[in-house]
Amino acid sequence: MENKLKILLVEDDAFTAQTSKRILSDFGEILLARCVDEAHELLKNSKFDLAFFDLNLHGELDGLKLLKLAKMMNVYSIVLSGERRKDILEESFINGAKDYLNKPFTLEKLNSVLNRFYNYQKDAQLENLINKSFITKSKELKEELYKIKNLSFSNRPVFIAGETGTGKRVVAHLVKEILDCDNFVEINCSQYTDELFASEVFGHVQGAFTGANKSKKGLLELADNGVIFLDEIHALSHKAQKTLLKAIEEQEFYPVGSDTKIKSNFRVISATCENIFELMKNGLFRQDLYARISTFSINLSPLRERPEDIGTLFEFFIAKQPFRIVINDEALAILSKYSFPQNTREIQDLVENWVIHGHRLITPDVLPVHIRSNINLSENVIPDYYLDLIEEIGLKEFLKIFKKELICAMIQRHKGVVKYASEAMGTSYANLTHFLRDNADKSLNSRRIQ
């Protein structure tokens, strides 16, 4: 065994202590305590990987007290006892015991207990990796993320769903680390036409199309014995979805322009920011492809459903900056009420914006207007009314009306003082007055932008 363990053995019977120590010595360094005081001292002054506790020490159930201390010291505790009373065993687990081993024990039974310890240790390491990579206080989201600990036990495809900016790519790379995968290939499906997608994913041979001056291996071939990450998979056309499904099911495909099949043992991770069920309902995404890529699914909740993460995420991104940034309580209260429709990415962008502009103290007046006013700017920021109006009167006329409405609203905000309005808009007094005078015709005034 490469990594030897440091093990505490608490046993008051000399013969049992000697026998147990001999068996355990194959697994690491053993420190023996024969009484409560010795065990207490060792626990406080040494770091142990795991500990075996006899409950009945010199006629007293003092081992129960030691279990509490071991739990506080984050030591994996195993009860090593002849005690069989149900209430005592129940109290042992309440006090922090992780497992139970009857005395005397065999090497076979010890191996079984230690295997559970190694699995627990691996789980703890993976949870620590997840917690460092994905910042959240949400218990529900943590439980969702912890599911990826089990991915190494199967070769199932992984499907990651979540709105823009929720961290789908972060999760994909977490999966890569958990699988200990050196061969990780990724592609954003939204960047390619059907022809380019086929060439990129399946490869092509020389002369397959104009510009194909030499043969090229596809990403699926490059992902052999590894993982391919298909980000924004919803963007694929029906034709691309069909050819991709066939390649995933058969683990083989034809490069563009070739009649020779390529075999590749790849694992698929895919992600989308869209509602995949709505896409399938509307016939925009194949149900058979979804069924094939989603046998293991991770759903990332948006930031508006976990407002407790907002302050923590600001601390996280601020800590990465070259200088200290402080958000005062008033500004933090405003930020905590905003839903951040672009999720974590929006917080990251906001912090980087503060850095660019040299802001050190963040007060409400530093925050963008839409955050101060708690207005959510969705991706579709142009109302249908505006689009209808543009179709009706044309873009040029619309922009004139819109510009006039903005100027009038700004003058109103500054209590009718054109000079103050022009300064606020970063333009000259002359420009504003000339524009208003030149566009004061009846046709312009007859139309208002609601």
Protein backbone atom coordinates (compact mmCIF):
# COMPACT_ATOMS: atom_id res chain seq x y z
CA MET A 1 0.00 0.00 0.00
CA GLU A 2 1.56 3.30 -1.10
CA ASN A 3 0.04 5.67 1.46
CA LYS A 4 0.43 4.35 4.97
CA LEU A 5 -2.26 5.41 7.41
CA LYS A 6 -1.82 6.87 10.86
CA ILE A 7 -4.11 4.85 13.12
CA LEU A 8 -5.12 5.28 16.74
CA LEU A 9 -6.01 2.08 18.62
CA VAL A 10 -7.79 2.51 21.96
CA GLU A 11 -7.84 -0.79 23.87
CA ASP A 12 -7.40 -1.54 27.58
CA ASP A 13 -6.97 -5.33 27.29
CA ALA A 14 -3.29 -6.13 26.76
CA PHE A 15 -3.78 -9.35 24.74
CA THR A 16 -6.47 -7.84 22.46
CA ALA A 17 -4.38 -4.70 22.01
CA GLN A 18 -1.36 -6.74 20.92
CA THR A 19 -3.40 -8.91 18.51
CA SER A 20 -5.23 -5.94 16.98
CA LYS A 21 -2.03 -3.93 16.65
CA ARG A 22 -0.33 -6.80 14.81
CA ILE A 23 -3.16 -7.08 12.26
CA LEU A 24 -3.47 -3.32 11.79
CA SER A 25 0.26 -2.74 11.40
CA ASP A 26 0.15 -3.85 7.75
CA PHE A 27 -1.93 -0.76 7.00
CA GLY A 28 0.12 1.95 8.66
CA GLU A 29 1.59 3.40 11.83
CA ILE A 30 -0.28 2.35 14.99
CA LEU A 31 -0.38 4.45 18.17
CA LEU A 32 -1.85 2.60 21.14
CA ALA A 33 -3.79 4.16 24.03
CA ARG A 34 -4.80 1.98 26.99
CA CYS A 35 -6.97 4.51 28.80
CA VAL A 36 -9.13 7.58 28.26
CA ASP A 37 -6.46 10.09 29.25
CA GLU A 38 -3.85 8.62 26.88
CA ALA A 39 -6.36 8.56 24.01
CA HIS A 40 -7.47 12.11 24.76
CA GLU A 41 -3.88 13.35 24.69
CA LEU A 42 -3.05 11.57 21.44
CA LEU A 43 -6.18 12.84 19.70
CA LYS A 44 -5.40 16.43 20.66
CA ASN A 45 -1.71 16.34 19.73
CA SER A 46 -1.57 14.06 16.67
CA LYS A 47 -3.39 13.91 13.33
CA PHE A 48 -4.95 10.51 12.64
CA ASP A 49 -6.55 9.13 9.51
CA LEU A 50 -8.74 6.75 11.47
CA ALA A 51 -9.19 5.36 14.96
CA PHE A 52 -10.45 2.12 16.50
CA PHE A 53 -12.22 2.55 19.84
CA ASP A 54 -13.03 -0.03 22.47
CA LEU A 55 -16.13 1.34 24.19
CA ASN A 56 -15.70 -0.36 27.56
CA LEU A 57 -12.50 0.96 29.11
CA HIS A 58 -11.73 -0.34 32.60
CA GLY A 59 -15.39 -1.06 33.26
CA GLU A 60 -16.71 2.31 32.01
CA LEU A 61 -18.22 3.25 28.64
CA ASP A 62 -15.69 6.05 28.23
CA GLY A 63 -15.15 5.16 24.58
CA LEU A 64 -18.40 7.00 23.84
CA LYS A 65 -16.88 10.29 25.04
CA LEU A 66 -13.79 9.74 22.93
CA LEU A 67 -15.94 9.29 19.83
CA LYS A 68 -17.24 12.85 20.25
CA LEU A 69 -13.69 14.22 20.45
CA ALA A 70 -12.61 12.19 17.41
CA LYS A 71 -15.55 13.58 15.45
CA MET A 72 -14.49 17.13 16.38
CA MET A 73 -10.95 16.32 15.20
CA ASN A 74 -12.34 14.97 11.89
CA VAL A 75 -11.07 11.43 12.54
CA TYR A 76 -12.85 8.50 10.90
CA SER A 77 -13.90 6.39 13.89
CA ILE A 78 -14.58 2.66 14.07
CA VAL A 79 -16.01 0.98 17.16
CA LEU A 80 -13.95 -2.08 18.04
CA SER A 81 -15.93 -3.76 20.77
CA GLY A 82 -17.68 -6.83 22.07
CA GLU A 83 -20.59 -4.62 23.12
CA ARG A 84 -23.83 -5.79 21.52
CA ARG A 85 -26.51 -3.71 23.28
CA LYS A 86 -28.59 -1.89 20.68
CA ASP A 87 -28.87 1.36 22.68
CA ILE A 88 -25.09 1.53 23.18
CA LEU A 89 -24.37 0.90 19.51
CA GLU A 90 -26.96 3.51 18.52
CA GLU A 91 -25.32 6.06 20.82
CA SER A 92 -21.94 5.20 19.27
CA PHE A 93 -23.13 6.21 15.81
CA ILE A 94 -24.80 9.35 17.18
CA ASN A 95 -21.50 10.32 18.83
CA GLY A 96 -19.60 10.01 15.57
CA ALA A 97 -18.74 6.37 14.83
CA LYS A 98 -18.66 5.59 11.10
CA ASP A 99 -18.45 1.80 11.35
CA TYR A 100 -18.46 -1.16 13.76
CA LEU A 101 -16.18 -4.17 14.10
CA ASN A 102 -16.79 -7.04 16.52
CA LYS A 103 -13.95 -8.35 18.68
CA PRO A 104 -12.12 -10.51 17.85
CA PHE A 105 -12.01 -9.59 14.17
CA THR A 106 -10.54 -11.32 11.14
CA LEU A 107 -8.45 -9.77 8.38
CA GLU A 108 -11.34 -10.33 5.95
CA LYS A 109 -13.74 -8.29 8.14
CA LEU A 110 -11.09 -5.60 8.67
CA ASN A 111 -10.59 -5.28 4.89
CA SER A 112 -14.31 -4.78 4.45
CA VAL A 113 -14.33 -1.97 7.02
CA LEU A 114 -11.23 -0.35 5.52
CA ASN A 115 -12.71 -0.44 2.01
CA ARG A 116 -15.63 1.58 3.33
CA PHE A 117 -13.13 4.01 4.88
CA TYR A 118 -11.25 4.42 1.58
CA ASN A 119 -14.54 5.06 -0.24
CA TYR A 120 -15.49 7.64 2.40
CA GLN A 121 -12.06 9.27 2.06
CA LYS A 122 -12.40 9.41 -1.73
CA ASP A 123 -15.89 10.91 -1.39
CA ALA A 124 -14.57 13.57 0.98
CA GLN A 125 -11.77 14.46 -1.44
CA LEU A 126 -14.20 14.75 -4.36
CA GLU A 127 -16.61 16.88 -2.31
CA ASN A 128 -13.71 19.15 -1.40
CA LEU A 129 -12.77 19.45 -5.09
CA ILE A 130 -16.38 20.28 -6.01
CA ASN A 131 -16.68 22.86 -3.21
CA LYS A 132 -13.49 24.62 -4.34
CA SER A 133 -14.52 24.70 -7.99
CA PHE A 134 -18.19 25.60 -7.65
CA ILE A 135 -19.09 28.33 -5.18
CA THR A 136 -22.50 27.82 -3.57
CA LYS A 137 -24.13 27.66 -0.15
CA SER A 138 -27.26 26.02 -1.55
CA LYS A 139 -27.75 22.58 -0.02
CA GLU A 140 -29.93 21.50 -2.94
CA LEU A 141 -27.36 22.55 -5.55
CA LYS A 142 -24.53 20.90 -3.60
CA GLU A 143 -26.47 17.63 -3.53
CA GLU A 144 -27.01 17.93 -7.28
CA LEU A 145 -23.29 18.51 -7.86
CA TYR A 146 -22.25 15.70 -5.51
CA LYS A 147 -23.96 13.24 -7.86
CA ILE A 148 -20.95 13.50 -10.17
CA LYS A 149 -18.88 11.65 -7.56
CA ASN A 150 -20.42 8.43 -8.89
CA LEU A 151 -19.51 8.98 -12.53
CA SER A 152 -16.32 6.92 -12.36
CA PHE A 153 -18.42 3.79 -11.81
CA SER A 154 -20.05 3.91 -15.24
CA ASN A 155 -19.52 5.14 -18.78
CA ARG A 156 -22.84 6.94 -19.08
CA PRO A 157 -23.20 10.20 -21.04
CA VAL A 158 -23.58 13.35 -18.94
CA PHE A 159 -26.10 16.09 -19.68
CA ILE A 160 -25.75 19.49 -17.97
CA ALA A 161 -28.71 21.86 -18.02
CA GLY A 162 -28.66 25.43 -16.77
CA GLU A 163 -29.25 29.01 -17.80
CA THR A 164 -26.49 31.17 -19.27
CA GLY A 165 -23.76 31.85 -16.72
CA THR A 166 -24.72 29.13 -14.20
CA GLY A 167 -21.41 27.27 -14.60
CA LYS A 168 -22.06 24.43 -17.04
CA ARG A 169 -18.50 24.55 -18.39
CA VAL A 170 -17.13 24.54 -14.83
CA VAL A 171 -19.11 21.35 -14.14
CA ALA A 172 -17.89 19.74 -17.37
CA HIS A 173 -14.29 20.34 -16.32
CA LEU A 174 -15.09 19.03 -12.83
CA VAL A 175 -16.27 15.81 -14.45
CA LYS A 176 -13.00 15.71 -16.39
CA GLU A 177 -11.03 15.92 -13.12
CA ILE A 178 -13.17 13.35 -11.33
CA LEU A 179 -12.74 10.92 -14.22
CA ASP A 180 -9.01 11.75 -14.22
CA CYS A 181 -9.31 12.22 -17.98
CA ASP A 182 -6.27 13.52 -19.85
CA ASN A 183 -7.99 13.41 -23.24
CA PHE A 184 -10.72 16.08 -23.06
CA VAL A 185 -12.05 17.64 -26.27
CA GLU A 186 -14.65 20.41 -26.34
CA ILE A 187 -16.70 22.18 -29.00
CA ASN A 188 -19.34 24.89 -28.95
CA CYS A 189 -22.04 23.61 -31.30
CA SER A 190 -23.53 27.07 -31.86
CA GLN A 191 -20.47 28.20 -33.84
CA TYR A 192 -20.87 25.85 -36.80
CA THR A 193 -23.04 25.34 -39.86
CA ASP A 194 -24.03 21.75 -40.72
CA GLU A 195 -21.12 21.35 -43.13
CA LEU A 196 -18.53 22.80 -40.76
CA PHE A 197 -19.92 20.76 -37.86
CA ALA A 198 -19.61 17.52 -39.82
CA SER A 199 -16.06 18.38 -40.86
CA GLU A 200 -15.07 19.42 -37.33
CA VAL A 201 -16.64 16.50 -35.48
CA PHE A 202 -16.25 13.63 -37.97
CA GLY A 203 -13.20 14.90 -39.85
CA HIS A 204 -12.68 14.92 -43.62
CA VAL A 205 -10.40 13.51 -46.26
CA GLN A 206 -8.34 15.50 -48.73
CA GLY A 207 -10.47 16.83 -51.58
CA ALA A 208 -13.79 16.22 -49.78
CA PHE A 209 -14.84 19.80 -50.51
CA THR A 210 -13.38 23.05 -51.80
CA GLY A 211 -10.55 24.07 -49.51
CA ALA A 212 -9.96 20.57 -48.09
CA ASN A 213 -6.30 20.55 -49.08
CA LYS A 214 -5.42 17.82 -46.63
CA SER A 215 -7.16 15.22 -44.51
CA LYS A 216 -8.19 16.18 -41.01
CA LYS A 217 -9.08 14.05 -37.98
CA GLY A 218 -12.44 14.81 -36.42
CA LEU A 219 -12.97 15.64 -32.77
CA LEU A 220 -14.71 12.33 -32.13
CA GLU A 221 -11.63 10.49 -33.34
CA LEU A 222 -9.38 12.72 -31.24
CA ALA A 223 -11.58 11.94 -28.21
CA ASP A 224 -10.85 8.20 -28.45
CA ASN A 225 -10.59 6.76 -24.91
CA GLY A 226 -11.49 10.20 -23.59
CA VAL A 227 -14.33 12.69 -23.32
CA ILE A 228 -15.93 15.08 -25.82
CA PHE A 229 -17.83 18.06 -24.41
CA LEU A 230 -20.60 19.31 -26.73
CA ASP A 231 -21.55 22.72 -25.37
CA GLU A 232 -24.81 24.40 -26.51
CA ILE A 233 -25.93 21.15 -28.13
CA HIS A 234 -29.41 22.60 -28.66
CA ALA A 235 -28.00 24.73 -31.51
CA LEU A 236 -27.52 21.72 -33.79
CA SER A 237 -29.86 21.32 -36.76
CA HIS A 238 -32.01 18.19 -37.15
CA LYS A 239 -29.57 16.88 -39.74
CA ALA A 240 -26.59 17.34 -37.40
CA GLN A 241 -28.54 15.83 -34.50
CA LYS A 242 -29.33 12.73 -36.58
CA THR A 243 -25.72 12.10 -37.64
CA LEU A 244 -24.45 12.77 -34.12
CA LEU A 245 -26.96 10.32 -32.60
CA LYS A 246 -25.82 7.57 -34.97
CA ALA A 247 -22.15 8.20 -34.12
CA ILE A 248 -22.85 8.13 -30.36
CA GLU A 249 -24.88 4.92 -30.56
CA GLU A 250 -22.44 3.05 -32.78
CA GLN A 251 -19.19 4.66 -31.57
CA GLU A 252 -18.17 4.84 -35.23
CA PHE A 253 -18.65 7.26 -38.13
CA TYR A 254 -17.51 8.26 -41.61
CA PRO A 255 -15.29 11.31 -42.13
CA VAL A 256 -16.67 13.69 -44.76
CA GLY A 257 -15.80 12.39 -48.23
CA SER A 258 -14.67 8.98 -46.97
CA ASP A 259 -16.19 5.49 -47.22
CA THR A 260 -13.98 4.12 -44.43
CA LYS A 261 -15.47 3.92 -40.97
CA ILE A 262 -13.58 5.31 -37.99
CA LYS A 263 -14.08 3.66 -34.61
CA SER A 264 -13.66 5.70 -31.43
CA ASN A 265 -14.35 4.92 -27.78
CA PHE A 266 -15.49 8.34 -26.55
CA ARG A 267 -17.69 9.50 -23.70
CA VAL A 268 -20.10 12.40 -24.25
CA ILE A 269 -20.76 15.38 -21.99
CA SER A 270 -23.31 17.82 -23.40
CA ALA A 271 -24.80 21.07 -22.14
CA THR A 272 -27.53 23.55 -22.98
CA CYS A 273 -28.79 26.88 -21.66
CA GLU A 274 -32.19 26.31 -23.29
CA ASN A 275 -35.26 24.50 -21.94
CA ILE A 276 -34.65 21.18 -23.66
CA PHE A 277 -38.16 19.93 -22.93
CA GLU A 278 -39.71 22.93 -24.67
CA LEU A 279 -37.41 22.35 -27.65
CA MET A 280 -38.49 18.72 -27.88
CA LYS A 281 -42.15 19.69 -27.47
CA ASN A 282 -41.80 22.11 -30.39
CA GLY A 283 -39.95 19.58 -32.53
CA LEU A 284 -36.63 21.45 -32.40
CA PHE A 285 -34.63 18.76 -30.62
CA ARG A 286 -34.79 15.01 -31.20
CA GLN A 287 -36.22 13.03 -28.31
CA ASP A 288 -34.12 9.97 -29.17
CA LEU A 289 -30.92 12.06 -29.03
CA TYR A 290 -31.92 13.55 -25.67
CA ALA A 291 -32.65 10.06 -24.31
CA ARG A 292 -29.20 8.93 -25.45
CA ILE A 293 -27.21 11.83 -23.97
CA SER A 294 -29.12 12.36 -20.71
CA THR A 295 -28.85 9.08 -18.82
CA PHE A 296 -26.94 11.08 -16.18
CA SER A 297 -28.24 14.65 -15.77
CA ILE A 298 -27.07 17.64 -13.74
CA ASN A 299 -29.43 20.61 -13.35
CA LEU A 300 -27.87 23.91 -12.28
CA SER A 301 -30.32 26.24 -10.57
CA PRO A 302 -30.19 29.96 -11.50
CA LEU A 303 -28.86 32.54 -9.06
CA ARG A 304 -32.29 34.06 -8.48
CA GLU A 305 -33.27 30.80 -6.72
CA ARG A 306 -30.27 30.96 -4.37
CA PRO A 307 -29.80 34.61 -3.33
CA GLU A 308 -27.68 33.43 -0.40
CA ASP A 309 -24.86 32.86 -2.93
CA ILE A 310 -24.69 36.46 -4.17
CA GLY A 311 -22.49 37.85 -1.39
CA THR A 312 -20.26 34.76 -1.40
CA LEU A 313 -19.71 35.00 -5.16
CA PHE A 314 -18.75 38.67 -4.92
CA GLU A 315 -16.21 37.77 -2.21
CA PHE A 316 -14.85 34.97 -4.40
CA PHE A 317 -14.31 37.12 -7.50
CA ILE A 318 -13.05 40.13 -5.51
CA ALA A 319 -10.43 37.89 -3.83
CA LYS A 320 -8.98 37.16 -7.30
CA GLN A 321 -8.35 40.85 -8.06
CA PRO A 322 -4.99 42.62 -7.74
CA PHE A 323 -6.30 45.11 -5.16
CA ARG A 324 -8.85 45.18 -2.38
CA ILE A 325 -12.45 46.11 -3.22
CA VAL A 326 -14.97 46.83 -0.47
CA ILE A 327 -18.75 46.76 -0.98
CA ASN A 328 -20.52 48.87 1.63
CA ASP A 329 -23.66 47.56 3.37
CA GLU A 330 -26.07 49.74 1.38
CA ALA A 331 -24.66 48.59 -1.96
CA LEU A 332 -24.60 44.96 -0.82
CA ALA A 333 -28.28 45.18 0.16
CA ILE A 334 -29.13 46.43 -3.35
CA LEU A 335 -27.03 43.70 -4.98
CA SER A 336 -28.69 41.02 -2.83
CA LYS A 337 -32.14 42.03 -4.10
CA TYR A 338 -31.14 41.88 -7.77
CA SER A 339 -31.78 38.57 -9.54
CA PHE A 340 -28.70 38.56 -11.85
CA PRO A 341 -30.34 37.07 -14.98
CA GLN A 342 -26.91 36.29 -16.44
CA ASN A 343 -26.09 34.48 -13.18
CA THR A 344 -22.51 34.01 -11.97
CA ARG A 345 -21.06 35.41 -15.19
CA GLU A 346 -22.81 38.73 -14.55
CA ILE A 347 -21.23 39.02 -11.10
CA GLN A 348 -17.79 38.22 -12.52
CA ASP A 349 -18.24 40.84 -15.26
CA LEU A 350 -19.38 43.45 -12.73
CA VAL A 351 -16.32 42.92 -10.51
CA GLU A 352 -13.99 43.10 -13.52
CA ASN A 353 -15.71 46.34 -14.56
CA TRP A 354 -14.95 47.80 -11.11
CA VAL A 355 -11.31 46.84 -11.54
CA ILE A 356 -11.09 48.45 -15.00
CA HIS A 357 -12.56 51.71 -13.67
CA GLY A 358 -10.40 51.68 -10.53
CA HIS A 359 -13.28 51.49 -8.04
CA ARG A 360 -12.14 50.51 -4.54
CA LEU A 361 -15.22 51.36 -2.47
CA ILE A 362 -18.49 50.19 -3.96
CA THR A 363 -21.41 52.41 -2.99
CA PRO A 364 -24.91 52.49 -4.56
CA ASP A 365 -23.96 55.26 -6.98
CA VAL A 366 -21.22 53.02 -8.46
CA LEU A 367 -23.75 50.31 -9.32
CA PRO A 368 -25.32 50.23 -12.82
CA VAL A 369 -28.71 51.93 -13.08
CA HIS A 370 -30.58 48.73 -13.91
CA ILE A 371 -29.26 47.09 -10.72
CA ARG A 372 -30.03 50.14 -8.56
CA SER A 373 -33.52 50.18 -10.03
CA ASN A 374 -33.82 46.36 -9.84
CA ILE A 375 -34.66 46.08 -13.54
CA ASN A 376 -33.82 42.72 -15.08
CA LEU A 377 -32.30 43.09 -18.51
CA SER A 378 -33.10 39.86 -20.29
CA GLU A 379 -31.42 38.77 -23.50
CA ASN A 380 -34.52 39.97 -25.37
CA VAL A 381 -34.18 43.64 -24.35
CA ILE A 382 -36.11 45.02 -27.37
CA PRO A 383 -39.89 44.89 -26.74
CA ASP A 384 -42.13 43.60 -29.51
CA TYR A 385 -43.80 47.03 -29.62
CA TYR A 386 -40.51 48.60 -30.77
CA LEU A 387 -40.00 45.94 -33.41
CA ASP A 388 -43.56 46.44 -34.70
CA LEU A 389 -42.99 50.21 -34.86
CA ILE A 390 -39.74 49.81 -36.79
CA GLU A 391 -41.53 47.61 -39.34
CA GLU A 392 -44.27 50.22 -39.62
CA ILE A 393 -42.26 53.47 -39.93
CA GLY A 394 -38.70 52.29 -40.67
CA LEU A 395 -35.54 52.34 -38.56
CA LYS A 396 -34.50 55.92 -39.43
CA GLU A 397 -37.80 57.46 -38.34
CA PHE A 398 -37.93 55.24 -35.25
CA LEU A 399 -34.46 56.35 -34.10
CA LYS A 400 -35.47 60.01 -34.45
CA ILE A 401 -38.53 59.45 -32.27
CA PHE A 402 -36.58 57.38 -29.77
CA LYS A 403 -33.80 59.98 -29.51
CA LYS A 404 -36.31 62.76 -28.92
CA GLU A 405 -38.10 60.73 -26.23
CA LEU A 406 -34.78 60.10 -24.45
CA ILE A 407 -33.82 63.78 -24.55
CA CYS A 408 -37.23 64.92 -23.28
CA ALA A 409 -37.15 62.33 -20.47
CA MET A 410 -33.66 63.43 -19.44
CA ILE A 411 -34.68 67.11 -19.45
CA GLN A 412 -37.66 66.20 -17.29
CA ARG A 413 -35.41 64.30 -14.86
CA HIS A 414 -33.29 67.46 -14.51
CA LYS A 415 -36.34 69.61 -13.80
CA GLY A 416 -36.46 71.19 -17.25
CA VAL A 417 -32.86 72.46 -17.27
CA VAL A 418 -31.47 71.57 -20.73
CA LYS A 419 -27.91 72.40 -19.70
CA TYR A 420 -27.94 69.80 -16.91
CA ALA A 421 -29.58 67.23 -19.18
CA SER A 422 -26.92 67.72 -21.87
CA GLU A 423 -24.13 67.28 -19.30
CA ALA A 424 -25.73 64.09 -17.99
CA MET A 425 -25.97 62.70 -21.52
CA GLY A 426 -22.38 63.60 -22.37
CA THR A 427 -23.31 65.94 -25.21
CA SER A 428 -23.41 69.71 -25.73
CA TYR A 429 -26.26 72.08 -24.98
CA ALA A 430 -26.16 73.20 -28.62
CA ASN A 431 -26.57 69.63 -29.94
CA LEU A 432 -29.65 69.03 -27.82
CA THR A 433 -31.38 72.29 -28.66
CA HIS A 434 -30.58 71.99 -32.38
CA PHE A 435 -31.96 68.44 -32.49
CA LEU A 436 -35.16 69.41 -30.67
CA ARG A 437 -35.66 72.43 -32.94
CA ASP A 438 -34.98 70.49 -36.17
CA ASN A 439 -37.31 67.65 -35.20
CA ALA A 440 -40.21 69.61 -33.81
CA ASP A 441 -42.44 68.84 -36.81
CA LYS A 442 -45.94 67.51 -36.47
CA SER A 443 -45.22 64.05 -37.90
CA LEU A 444 -42.60 63.45 -35.23
CA ASN A 445 -44.75 64.76 -32.41
CA SER A 446 -47.69 62.67 -33.52
CA ARG A 447 -45.98 59.46 -32.52
CA ARG A 448 -44.94 58.55 -28.97
CA ILE A 449 -42.85 55.58 -27.90
CA GLN A 450 -44.79 53.91 -25.09
